[in-house]
N, C-alpha and C. Protein backbone atom coordinates (compact mmCIF):
# COMPACT_ATOMS: atom_id res chain seq x y z
N UNK A 1 -58.47 35.88 1.03
CA UNK A 1 -57.21 36.22 1.68
C UNK A 1 -56.67 37.55 1.17
N UNK A 2 -56.73 37.75 -0.16
CA UNK A 2 -56.20 38.98 -0.74
C UNK A 2 -56.99 40.20 -0.26
N UNK A 3 -58.32 40.07 -0.19
CA UNK A 3 -59.14 41.19 0.25
C UNK A 3 -58.84 41.56 1.69
N UNK A 4 -58.66 40.56 2.53
CA UNK A 4 -58.33 40.82 3.93
C UNK A 4 -56.98 41.51 4.02
N UNK A 5 -56.02 41.06 3.24
CA UNK A 5 -54.68 41.66 3.26
C UNK A 5 -54.73 43.11 2.82
N UNK A 6 -55.46 43.38 1.76
CA UNK A 6 -55.57 44.76 1.26
C UNK A 6 -56.24 45.63 2.31
N UNK A 7 -57.29 45.11 2.95
CA UNK A 7 -57.97 45.86 3.99
C UNK A 7 -57.01 46.19 5.13
N UNK A 8 -56.22 45.21 5.57
CA UNK A 8 -55.29 45.43 6.68
C UNK A 8 -54.21 46.43 6.32
N UNK A 9 -53.73 46.39 5.10
CA UNK A 9 -52.72 47.36 4.66
C UNK A 9 -53.32 48.76 4.67
N UNK A 10 -54.55 48.89 4.17
CA UNK A 10 -55.21 50.19 4.15
C UNK A 10 -55.38 50.74 5.56
N UNK A 11 -55.83 49.90 6.47
CA UNK A 11 -56.00 50.33 7.86
C UNK A 11 -54.67 50.78 8.45
N UNK A 12 -53.62 50.04 8.18
CA UNK A 12 -52.29 50.39 8.71
C UNK A 12 -51.83 51.74 8.16
N UNK A 13 -52.06 51.98 6.88
CA UNK A 13 -51.65 53.25 6.29
C UNK A 13 -52.44 54.42 6.86
N UNK A 14 -53.73 54.24 7.02
CA UNK A 14 -54.55 55.31 7.60
C UNK A 14 -54.13 55.58 9.04
N UNK A 15 -53.90 54.53 9.80
CA UNK A 15 -53.46 54.70 11.19
C UNK A 15 -52.12 55.43 11.23
N UNK A 16 -51.23 55.11 10.31
CA UNK A 16 -49.94 55.80 10.25
C UNK A 16 -50.09 57.27 9.94
N UNK A 17 -51.03 57.59 9.06
CA UNK A 17 -51.27 58.99 8.71
C UNK A 17 -51.82 59.77 9.90
N UNK A 18 -52.70 59.15 10.66
CA UNK A 18 -53.28 59.81 11.82
C UNK A 18 -52.20 60.15 12.83
N UNK A 19 -51.22 59.28 12.98
CA UNK A 19 -50.15 59.50 13.94
C UNK A 19 -49.05 60.43 13.47
N UNK A 20 -49.08 60.85 12.21
CA UNK A 20 -48.01 61.70 11.66
C UNK A 20 -48.03 63.10 12.24
N UNK A 21 -49.21 63.69 12.37
CA UNK A 21 -49.33 65.02 12.96
C UNK A 21 -48.73 66.13 12.14
N UNK A 22 -49.32 66.42 11.01
CA UNK A 22 -48.85 67.53 10.18
C UNK A 22 -49.29 68.86 10.77
N UNK A 23 -48.46 69.90 10.60
CA UNK A 23 -48.77 71.21 11.15
C UNK A 23 -49.80 71.96 10.32
N UNK A 24 -49.83 71.71 9.03
CA UNK A 24 -50.71 72.47 8.14
C UNK A 24 -51.93 71.69 7.69
N UNK A 25 -52.22 70.57 8.37
CA UNK A 25 -53.37 69.77 8.00
C UNK A 25 -53.15 68.92 6.77
N UNK A 26 -51.91 68.83 6.33
CA UNK A 26 -51.56 68.00 5.17
C UNK A 26 -50.56 66.95 5.60
N UNK A 27 -50.74 65.75 5.09
CA UNK A 27 -49.88 64.63 5.45
C UNK A 27 -49.25 64.03 4.22
N UNK A 28 -48.01 63.59 4.35
CA UNK A 28 -47.38 62.89 3.23
C UNK A 28 -47.39 61.40 3.51
N UNK A 29 -47.72 60.64 2.50
CA UNK A 29 -47.80 59.19 2.58
C UNK A 29 -46.84 58.62 1.55
N UNK A 30 -45.83 57.88 2.01
CA UNK A 30 -44.86 57.27 1.11
C UNK A 30 -45.22 55.79 0.96
N UNK A 31 -45.37 55.36 -0.29
CA UNK A 31 -45.76 53.98 -0.58
C UNK A 31 -44.66 53.33 -1.41
N UNK A 32 -44.25 52.14 -1.00
CA UNK A 32 -43.25 51.38 -1.73
C UNK A 32 -43.59 49.90 -1.62
N UNK A 33 -43.13 49.12 -2.57
CA UNK A 33 -43.34 47.68 -2.50
C UNK A 33 -42.00 46.97 -2.57
N UNK A 34 -42.03 45.69 -2.28
CA UNK A 34 -40.82 44.88 -2.35
C UNK A 34 -41.03 43.78 -3.39
N UNK A 35 -40.06 42.92 -3.55
CA UNK A 35 -40.16 41.81 -4.48
C UNK A 35 -41.41 41.00 -4.21
N UNK A 36 -42.16 40.70 -5.26
CA UNK A 36 -43.34 39.85 -5.12
C UNK A 36 -44.64 40.60 -4.97
N UNK A 37 -44.61 41.93 -5.00
CA UNK A 37 -45.85 42.70 -4.87
C UNK A 37 -45.71 44.00 -5.62
N UNK A 38 -46.86 44.61 -5.91
CA UNK A 38 -46.86 45.94 -6.50
C UNK A 38 -48.10 46.69 -6.05
N UNK A 39 -48.01 48.00 -6.10
CA UNK A 39 -49.11 48.86 -5.69
C UNK A 39 -49.72 49.47 -6.94
N UNK A 40 -50.99 49.16 -7.18
CA UNK A 40 -51.66 49.64 -8.39
C UNK A 40 -52.25 51.02 -8.23
N UNK A 41 -52.76 51.32 -7.05
CA UNK A 41 -53.38 52.62 -6.83
C UNK A 41 -53.10 53.06 -5.41
N UNK A 42 -52.59 54.21 -5.15
CA UNK A 42 -52.32 55.27 -6.09
C UNK A 42 -51.00 55.13 -6.84
N UNK A 43 -50.24 54.09 -6.55
CA UNK A 43 -48.93 53.88 -7.15
C UNK A 43 -47.86 53.98 -6.08
N UNK A 44 -46.62 53.95 -6.50
CA UNK A 44 -45.52 54.08 -5.56
C UNK A 44 -44.98 55.50 -5.60
N UNK A 45 -44.50 55.96 -4.47
CA UNK A 45 -43.97 57.31 -4.37
C UNK A 45 -44.51 58.00 -3.14
N UNK A 46 -44.36 59.30 -3.08
CA UNK A 46 -44.88 60.10 -1.96
C UNK A 46 -46.06 60.91 -2.45
N UNK A 47 -47.15 60.83 -1.71
CA UNK A 47 -48.38 61.52 -2.06
C UNK A 47 -48.80 62.39 -0.88
N UNK A 48 -49.45 63.50 -1.16
CA UNK A 48 -49.85 64.44 -0.12
C UNK A 48 -51.37 64.48 -0.04
N UNK A 49 -51.89 64.35 1.18
CA UNK A 49 -53.32 64.31 1.40
C UNK A 49 -53.70 65.25 2.53
N UNK A 50 -54.90 65.84 2.41
CA UNK A 50 -55.42 66.69 3.47
C UNK A 50 -55.86 65.85 4.66
N UNK A 51 -55.80 66.46 5.82
CA UNK A 51 -56.23 65.78 7.05
C UNK A 51 -57.67 65.30 6.92
N UNK A 52 -57.92 64.07 7.36
CA UNK A 52 -59.26 63.51 7.36
C UNK A 52 -59.67 62.82 6.08
N UNK A 53 -58.85 62.89 5.05
CA UNK A 53 -59.20 62.26 3.78
C UNK A 53 -58.91 60.76 3.84
N UNK A 54 -59.83 59.97 3.32
CA UNK A 54 -59.61 58.52 3.21
C UNK A 54 -58.75 58.25 1.99
N UNK A 55 -57.83 57.32 2.15
CA UNK A 55 -56.94 56.95 1.04
C UNK A 55 -57.16 55.48 0.73
N UNK A 56 -57.51 55.20 -0.50
CA UNK A 56 -57.72 53.82 -0.92
C UNK A 56 -56.45 53.30 -1.58
N UNK A 57 -56.10 52.09 -1.25
CA UNK A 57 -54.86 51.49 -1.73
C UNK A 57 -55.17 50.13 -2.33
N UNK A 58 -54.64 49.89 -3.51
CA UNK A 58 -54.75 48.57 -4.12
C UNK A 58 -53.34 48.00 -4.23
N UNK A 59 -53.10 46.92 -3.49
CA UNK A 59 -51.81 46.24 -3.53
C UNK A 59 -52.06 44.81 -3.98
N UNK A 60 -51.19 44.31 -4.83
CA UNK A 60 -51.37 42.98 -5.41
C UNK A 60 -50.11 42.15 -5.17
N UNK A 61 -50.32 40.93 -4.66
CA UNK A 61 -49.21 39.99 -4.50
C UNK A 61 -49.06 39.19 -5.80
N UNK A 62 -47.85 39.05 -6.27
CA UNK A 62 -47.59 38.28 -7.48
C UNK A 62 -47.75 36.78 -7.19
N UNK A 63 -47.86 36.01 -8.24
CA UNK A 63 -48.03 34.57 -8.10
C UNK A 63 -46.88 33.98 -7.27
N UNK A 64 -47.24 33.16 -6.29
CA UNK A 64 -46.25 32.53 -5.44
C UNK A 64 -45.92 33.34 -4.20
N UNK A 65 -46.53 34.54 -4.06
CA UNK A 65 -46.30 35.40 -2.90
C UNK A 65 -47.64 35.65 -2.21
N UNK A 66 -47.58 36.06 -0.94
CA UNK A 66 -48.77 36.43 -0.21
C UNK A 66 -48.43 37.50 0.80
N UNK A 67 -49.44 38.27 1.20
CA UNK A 67 -49.26 39.28 2.22
C UNK A 67 -49.34 38.62 3.59
N UNK A 68 -48.46 39.07 4.48
CA UNK A 68 -48.45 38.56 5.84
C UNK A 68 -48.54 39.76 6.77
N UNK A 69 -49.45 39.68 7.75
CA UNK A 69 -49.71 40.77 8.71
C UNK A 69 -50.48 41.86 8.04
């Protein structure tokens, strides 16, 4: 379940980046978590990536929580 959730989050983030449409070929990706989860890699905050770059994300649900969607 956790692997599927992480995969779906990664796909959603990449799809969001594709739709951003940066003028200079650079995209900003803002990552945040809520109660019950944390992002291990690359962390929380705003990160800048070149167009076409794959971004790997590790998100972990705390005990008693789960990712939905």
